[in-house]
Each structure stands twice: as C-alpha cells, then as structure tokens.
Amino acid sequence: MNWKKYWDRKAENEDLHLQVGRISKGASIREQEFVTTVSHLVALLQLDKEDHLLDVCCGNGMLGSQLANYCMTVTGVDQSEELIKIAVKNFQSDTHRFFVQQADKLYFKNAQLFDKILLHFSFQYFNYLKGREVIRQMLKVAKPGAIIVISDIPDAAKFNIYCKTFKSQVKYHLRQLLGINIMGKFWKREELEKICAELGVKGEFLEQPSPLPYAWYRFD
C-alpha cells in the first residue's frame, strides 16, 4: 500500500476529521469523541507547559493544535505533503511547526530532543520491521526520561471483534496480501514486547476507556 499517495488523496476531503481517517459508524467522529481523545492523550503524555512535544504522523495538525494548549511547543511531522500543507495553513504558529518527514527517518537540526512524543492512530500502517524502526527513531530524538505514547493500536486479540464474520476476515486477509488494505496491521502485544526488548526499553500496555471512539478494538 502506498500510504503517501493514500493520505495525499484523503487530504482532498473538506472535512478535517475525514482527511485523517477519523471515522465512527461510517461518518466523521463526533466532536465530543474528539474532545475526549484530546483529554485522554493529555493525561497519557502528562503534558506540562514546559514540554516540547513531537507529533509523529501528525496528519493535518488538528489534534496537535489542541495538544499545543498544554505544552510549550509542538512539532508535527508527516510524510503526506498535502496534509502538511493543510496543517501549515490552518495551525502553524511560532510554537506549532510542521515538517514533511517519514516516521522511520526522523531528523532535526541541532539534534533537537523532545520531552514527549506521540504517535496517534497510525502505527497500524507499519509492518514489524518498519514499526521497530519508527520506535527506534522516536527513542533517538527523545530526551532521557521522555514519555513516548503510541495510541490507538489495532489489537490482534480483538481482530474477531472487528471482523465478525468469516467473509469479512477473508476479505481483510486478501486485501492485506494484495497490498490494498486501508485498515493496516493488527498488532500482537508480543510483537511490541519483542521490539521493546530488542531496543532495550520497557513498554506498558494500556486499555482504552470506553468513551473513546475506537476503544472496542484498540489499545495504547
């Protein structure tokens, strides 16, 4: 799947939520669900007014613009040039900047390090090897003791809840083999544990509270 082309096309949608795939029950997520998500991430990141936050796979910058109210600066990166253009137009400021970058090739001048790093609703678009590299890159630009949150990860243990019928499961796997599956990868917790062990860090799995729009099949 060419995710860059996919998200560049999604950027043509006028709805900011739909541009970044935030869909609930076939439509753009409700405003209250978005507000709940912001509050959830603020708590997970333990955001502080002195923090410099890196928003990896930031999309159109809408989420980061809300998190910017709780920290000193937000730096958003995404591989989609079209989404970054929207982010710059709508949300860029002296304290909220955007750059076209791939999550597995992070680079900042002067070796900038971040207090908090967020990768939200996007880890499903990486296979095991790329996911490992993305985490390694985030660790590379994290300050000692930084908090890294990878949120809204599709849970392989709940795959049968997401794809309830045999037909839908076959369709998912077929599209995955053909490289046209827009859902992406359902991650096993053991895979993330292995990545953390390989990189010398320890991760913690968190169940999402039910008010979040995707809690029924995702974890943090």
Protein backbone atom coordinates (compact mmCIF):
# COMPACT_ATOMS: atom_id res chain seq x y z
CA MET A 1 0.00 0.00 0.00
CA ASN A 2 1.40 3.39 -0.97
CA TRP A 3 0.37 5.28 2.16
CA LYS A 4 1.77 8.60 0.99
CA LYS A 5 -0.48 8.60 -2.09
CA TYR A 6 -3.39 7.36 0.01
CA TRP A 7 -3.15 10.22 2.51
CA ASP A 8 -2.44 12.79 -0.16
CA ARG A 9 -5.78 11.79 -1.74
CA LYS A 10 -7.55 11.87 1.63
CA ALA A 11 -6.38 15.45 2.03
CA GLU A 12 -8.76 16.44 -0.78
CA ASN A 13 -11.70 15.93 1.60
CA GLU A 14 -13.05 19.16 3.10
CA ASP A 15 -13.80 17.57 6.50
CA LEU A 16 -10.71 17.77 8.74
CA HIS A 17 -11.61 14.55 10.57
CA LEU A 18 -12.13 12.60 7.35
CA GLN A 19 -8.82 13.88 5.97
CA VAL A 20 -7.06 11.84 8.65
CA GLY A 21 -9.43 8.87 8.68
CA ARG A 22 -11.25 9.66 11.94
CA ILE A 23 -14.46 7.81 11.19
CA SER A 24 -17.06 6.42 13.58
CA LYS A 25 -20.06 4.45 12.31
CA GLY A 26 -19.35 5.48 8.73
CA ALA A 27 -19.15 9.22 9.39
CA SER A 28 -16.78 11.81 10.81
CA ILE A 29 -16.29 11.26 14.54
CA ARG A 30 -18.44 13.39 16.82
CA GLU A 31 -16.93 16.50 18.37
CA GLN A 32 -17.30 15.08 21.86
CA GLU A 33 -15.33 11.99 20.83
CA PHE A 34 -12.55 14.26 19.58
CA VAL A 35 -12.58 16.27 22.82
CA THR A 36 -12.44 13.02 24.83
CA THR A 37 -9.50 11.82 22.74
CA VAL A 38 -7.60 15.06 23.37
CA SER A 39 -8.17 14.81 27.13
CA HIS A 40 -7.09 11.17 27.09
CA LEU A 41 -3.83 11.96 25.31
CA VAL A 42 -3.06 14.96 27.52
CA ALA A 43 -3.31 12.65 30.52
CA LEU A 44 -1.25 9.84 28.95
CA LEU A 45 1.51 12.23 27.87
CA GLN A 46 1.39 14.04 31.22
CA LEU A 47 1.75 17.27 29.28
CA ASP A 48 3.33 20.21 31.03
CA LYS A 49 3.67 23.85 29.99
CA GLU A 50 7.46 23.38 29.72
CA ASP A 51 7.23 20.36 27.39
CA HIS A 52 8.38 20.17 23.80
CA LEU A 53 6.10 17.65 22.07
CA LEU A 54 6.81 15.74 18.86
CA ASP A 55 3.65 14.69 16.99
CA VAL A 56 4.67 11.85 14.64
CA CYS A 57 2.29 11.15 11.75
CA CYS A 58 0.57 14.42 12.63
CA GLY A 59 -1.69 14.46 9.55
CA ASN A 60 -3.41 17.83 9.12
CA GLY A 61 -2.28 19.07 12.55
CA MET A 62 -5.77 19.30 14.04
CA LEU A 63 -5.03 17.05 17.01
CA GLY A 64 -1.66 18.65 17.71
CA SER A 65 -3.28 22.08 17.66
CA GLN A 66 -5.34 21.05 20.68
CA LEU A 67 -2.40 19.49 22.50
CA ALA A 68 -0.48 22.73 21.92
CA ASN A 69 -2.68 24.33 24.58
CA TYR A 70 -0.99 22.16 27.21
CA CYS A 71 2.72 22.41 26.34
CA MET A 72 5.39 24.87 25.20
CA THR A 73 5.86 23.73 21.60
CA VAL A 74 4.54 21.10 19.22
CA THR A 75 6.48 19.83 16.21
CA GLY A 76 4.39 17.86 13.73
CA VAL A 77 5.82 15.55 11.08
CA ASP A 78 4.06 13.57 8.36
CA GLN A 79 5.02 12.07 5.02
CA SER A 80 1.95 13.48 3.26
CA GLU A 81 2.88 16.79 1.70
CA GLU A 82 -0.79 17.59 1.10
CA LEU A 83 -1.75 17.09 4.73
CA ILE A 84 1.22 19.15 5.88
CA LYS A 85 0.12 21.98 3.56
CA ILE A 86 -3.27 21.96 5.30
CA ALA A 87 -1.59 21.86 8.71
CA VAL A 88 0.63 24.84 7.86
CA LYS A 89 -2.33 26.82 6.51
CA ASN A 90 -4.64 26.18 9.45
CA PHE A 91 -2.48 25.61 12.51
CA GLN A 92 1.14 26.71 12.11
CA SER A 93 2.39 29.29 14.61
CA ASP A 94 5.58 30.28 16.40
CA THR A 95 5.03 27.37 18.80
CA HIS A 96 3.48 24.81 16.44
CA ARG A 97 5.59 23.90 13.42
CA PHE A 98 5.23 21.27 10.70
CA PHE A 99 7.68 19.33 8.53
CA VAL A 100 7.40 16.72 5.80
CA GLN A 101 9.20 13.70 7.22
CA GLN A 102 8.80 9.95 7.33
CA ALA A 103 8.31 8.41 10.74
CA ASP A 104 11.15 5.95 10.18
CA LYS A 105 13.59 8.71 9.12
CA LEU A 106 13.26 11.45 11.73
CA TYR A 107 15.77 14.27 11.52
CA PHE A 108 16.02 17.61 13.27
CA LYS A 109 18.72 20.25 13.05
CA ASN A 110 20.86 20.80 16.14
CA ALA A 111 19.87 17.33 17.38
CA GLN A 112 16.64 18.62 18.89
CA LEU A 113 15.28 16.35 21.62
CA PHE A 114 11.71 16.13 22.87
CA ASP A 115 10.17 15.74 26.32
CA LYS A 116 7.08 13.97 24.98
CA ILE A 117 6.44 12.09 21.73
CA LEU A 118 3.08 10.99 20.35
CA LEU A 119 2.24 8.62 17.51
CA HIS A 120 -1.54 8.51 17.33
CA PHE A 121 -3.81 6.36 15.15
CA SER A 122 -1.03 5.45 12.71
CA PHE A 123 1.03 2.52 14.00
CA GLN A 124 -1.19 0.15 12.04
CA TYR A 125 0.37 1.42 8.81
CA PHE A 126 3.74 -0.13 9.63
CA ASN A 127 4.82 -3.75 9.38
CA TYR A 128 7.00 -5.27 12.09
CA LEU A 129 10.36 -4.10 10.74
CA LYS A 130 9.21 -0.59 9.93
CA GLY A 131 7.37 -0.34 13.25
CA ARG A 132 10.58 -1.29 15.04
CA GLU A 133 12.48 1.40 13.14
CA VAL A 134 9.82 4.01 13.89
CA ILE A 135 10.14 3.31 17.61
CA ARG A 136 13.94 3.40 17.34
CA GLN A 137 13.74 6.79 15.62
CA MET A 138 11.45 8.17 18.32
CA LEU A 139 13.85 6.96 21.01
CA LYS A 140 16.69 8.67 19.12
CA VAL A 141 15.03 12.10 19.43
CA ALA A 142 13.65 11.63 22.95
CA LYS A 143 15.20 13.27 25.98
CA PRO A 144 16.28 10.96 28.83
CA GLY A 145 13.14 10.10 30.77
CA ALA A 146 10.84 11.24 27.97
CA ILE A 147 7.34 9.80 27.64
CA ILE A 148 6.51 8.17 24.30
CA VAL A 149 2.87 7.32 23.65
CA ILE A 150 1.76 5.14 20.76
CA SER A 151 -2.01 5.27 20.83
CA ASP A 152 -4.95 3.68 19.03
CA ILE A 153 -3.16 0.48 18.00
CA PRO A 154 -5.45 -2.17 16.46
CA ASP A 155 -5.37 -5.17 18.80
CA ALA A 156 -4.77 -8.56 17.17
CA ALA A 157 -6.53 -10.18 20.14
CA LYS A 158 -9.69 -8.30 19.13
CA PHE A 159 -9.46 -8.97 15.40
CA ASN A 160 -12.52 -11.25 15.54
CA ILE A 161 -14.47 -8.44 17.19
CA TYR A 162 -13.55 -6.04 14.40
CA CYS A 163 -14.08 -8.60 11.61
CA LYS A 164 -17.05 -10.51 13.00
CA THR A 165 -17.80 -12.77 10.03
CA PHE A 166 -15.71 -15.33 8.17
CA LYS A 167 -16.33 -13.38 4.96
CA SER A 168 -15.02 -10.12 6.41
CA GLN A 169 -11.95 -11.90 7.79
CA VAL A 170 -11.14 -13.47 4.41
CA LYS A 171 -11.63 -10.08 2.74
CA TYR A 172 -9.26 -8.42 5.21
CA HIS A 173 -6.52 -11.01 4.71
CA LEU A 174 -6.93 -11.00 0.92
CA ARG A 175 -6.64 -7.22 0.77
CA GLN A 176 -3.63 -7.44 3.05
CA LEU A 177 -1.92 -9.89 0.66
CA LEU A 178 -2.73 -7.67 -2.31
CA GLY A 179 -1.34 -4.61 -0.54
CA ILE A 180 -4.61 -2.67 -0.75
CA ASN A 181 -5.83 -3.00 2.83
CA ILE A 182 -6.59 0.50 4.13
CA MET A 183 -7.08 -0.81 7.67
CA GLY A 184 -3.43 -1.76 8.09
CA LYS A 185 -1.95 -4.17 10.61
CA PHE A 186 -3.48 -5.58 13.78
CA TRP A 187 -0.59 -5.74 16.25
CA LYS A 188 0.09 -8.55 18.70
CA ARG A 189 1.26 -7.37 22.09
CA GLU A 190 4.04 -9.95 21.96
CA GLU A 191 5.39 -8.21 18.84
CA LEU A 192 5.64 -4.90 20.67
CA GLU A 193 7.20 -6.59 23.68
CA LYS A 194 9.82 -8.10 21.39
CA ILE A 195 10.57 -4.73 19.78
CA CYS A 196 10.96 -3.10 23.17
CA ALA A 197 13.30 -5.88 24.30
CA GLU A 198 15.37 -5.52 21.13
CA LEU A 199 15.66 -1.77 21.66
CA GLY A 200 16.37 -2.01 25.37
CA VAL A 201 13.25 -0.28 26.65
CA LYS A 202 10.15 -1.35 28.52
CA GLY A 203 6.64 -0.61 27.32
CA GLU A 204 3.32 -0.68 29.13
CA PHE A 205 0.03 -1.76 27.55
CA LEU A 206 -2.99 0.34 28.41
CA GLU A 207 -6.63 -0.47 27.82
CA GLN A 208 -8.58 2.46 26.44
CA PRO A 209 -11.56 3.85 28.37
CA SER A 210 -14.89 3.11 26.71
CA PRO A 211 -15.81 6.72 25.78
CA LEU A 212 -13.00 6.74 23.19
CA PRO A 213 -14.36 6.06 19.67
CA TYR A 214 -12.15 3.04 18.92
CA ALA A 215 -11.70 1.53 22.39
CA TRP A 216 -13.65 -1.59 21.39
CA TYR A 217 -10.78 -2.92 19.26
CA ARG A 218 -7.68 -0.81 20.04
CA PHE A 219 -5.20 -0.25 22.84
CA ASP A 220 -2.45 2.23 23.76
